[in-house]
Amino acid sequence: MPLNPQERQRRYGQANHRLTLWLLAAWMVVTFVVPFFARDLNFSFFGWPFSFWVASQGALIAYLVIAWSYARWMNRRDQAEAETSAEE
């Protein structure tokens, strides 16, 4: 039995909020937790101290992965939603 538009919209919104919370948690870990503990890691990584690399390069890469993940997930979700709407 197909869902009514309000129920589909509610489920879509809930899934979007869940994904946003998970990605926000990942952002928080990358921004605050990893650099805090990286100070204790005293080894060289590509010629630089690991803590410097995490703060300057690793975080930027992680932010790009977070943004890419959100865009990819939303594109897939929107396509699935459009296919479902077209079938009805």
Protein backbone atom coordinates (compact mmCIF):
# COMPACT_ATOMS: atom_id res chain seq x y z
CA MET A 1 0.00 0.00 0.00
CA PRO A 2 1.53 3.32 -1.05
CA LEU A 3 2.17 5.96 1.58
CA ASN A 4 0.40 9.26 1.45
CA PRO A 5 2.54 12.33 0.57
CA GLN A 6 2.62 13.61 4.16
CA GLU A 7 3.94 10.30 5.49
CA ARG A 8 6.60 10.10 2.76
CA GLN A 9 7.66 13.66 3.53
CA ARG A 10 7.84 12.90 7.26
CA ARG A 11 9.99 9.81 6.68
CA TYR A 12 12.22 11.72 4.27
CA GLY A 13 12.68 14.48 6.86
CA GLN A 14 13.46 12.00 9.63
CA ALA A 15 16.05 10.22 7.50
CA ASN A 16 17.61 13.56 6.57
CA HIS A 17 17.79 14.62 10.22
CA ARG A 18 19.35 11.29 11.21
CA LEU A 19 22.02 11.61 8.51
CA THR A 20 22.70 15.22 9.49
CA LEU A 21 23.18 14.23 13.13
CA TRP A 22 25.61 11.43 12.23
CA LEU A 23 27.64 13.71 9.98
CA LEU A 24 27.62 16.44 12.62
CA ALA A 25 28.96 13.92 15.11
CA ALA A 26 31.71 12.98 12.63
CA TRP A 27 32.53 16.67 12.18
CA MET A 28 32.76 17.12 15.96
CA VAL A 29 35.11 14.15 16.30
CA VAL A 30 37.33 15.43 13.48
CA THR A 31 37.35 18.99 14.81
CA PHE A 32 37.72 18.45 18.55
CA VAL A 33 38.49 14.88 19.56
CA VAL A 34 41.19 13.87 17.07
CA PRO A 35 43.33 17.03 17.43
CA PHE A 36 43.06 16.84 21.22
CA PHE A 37 44.48 13.33 21.33
CA ALA A 38 46.86 13.82 18.40
CA ARG A 39 49.16 15.90 20.63
CA ASP A 40 50.07 12.70 22.44
CA LEU A 41 51.09 10.98 19.21
CA ASN A 42 54.74 11.94 18.78
CA PHE A 43 55.76 10.52 15.44
CA SER A 44 56.55 11.90 12.03
CA PHE A 45 53.98 11.52 9.25
CA PHE A 46 55.20 12.51 5.77
CA GLY A 47 57.96 14.56 7.37
CA TRP A 48 55.70 16.52 9.72
CA PRO A 49 54.56 15.86 13.28
CA PHE A 50 51.34 13.85 13.19
CA SER A 51 49.42 16.40 15.26
CA PHE A 52 50.28 19.14 12.75
CA TRP A 53 49.19 16.94 9.85
CA VAL A 54 45.87 16.09 11.50
CA ALA A 55 45.13 19.75 12.22
CA SER A 56 46.15 21.12 8.83
CA GLN A 57 45.49 18.41 6.26
CA GLY A 58 43.59 15.51 7.75
CA ALA A 59 40.71 17.65 8.95
CA LEU A 60 40.26 19.25 5.53
CA ILE A 61 40.13 15.85 3.86
CA ALA A 62 37.61 14.64 6.44
CA TYR A 63 35.42 17.72 5.87
CA LEU A 64 35.42 17.04 2.13
CA VAL A 65 34.44 13.41 2.75
CA ILE A 66 31.62 14.53 5.04
CA ALA A 67 30.27 16.98 2.44
CA TRP A 68 30.65 14.41 -0.35
CA SER A 69 28.83 11.78 1.73
CA TYR A 70 25.91 14.09 2.40
CA ALA A 71 25.60 15.11 -1.26
CA ARG A 72 25.81 11.52 -2.48
CA TRP A 73 23.27 10.25 0.06
CA MET A 74 20.83 13.07 -0.71
CA ASN A 75 21.13 12.53 -4.47
CA ARG A 76 20.36 8.85 -4.07
CA ARG A 77 17.48 9.60 -1.70
CA ASP A 78 16.03 12.22 -4.07
CA GLN A 79 16.23 9.81 -7.01
CA ALA A 80 14.48 7.09 -5.03
CA GLU A 81 11.82 9.59 -3.94
CA ALA A 82 11.30 10.73 -7.56
CA GLU A 83 10.96 7.11 -8.75
CA THR A 84 8.43 6.40 -6.00
CA SER A 85 6.43 9.51 -6.90
CA ALA A 86 6.48 8.63 -10.61
CA GLU A 87 5.14 5.13 -9.92
CA GLU A 88 2.06 6.47 -8.16
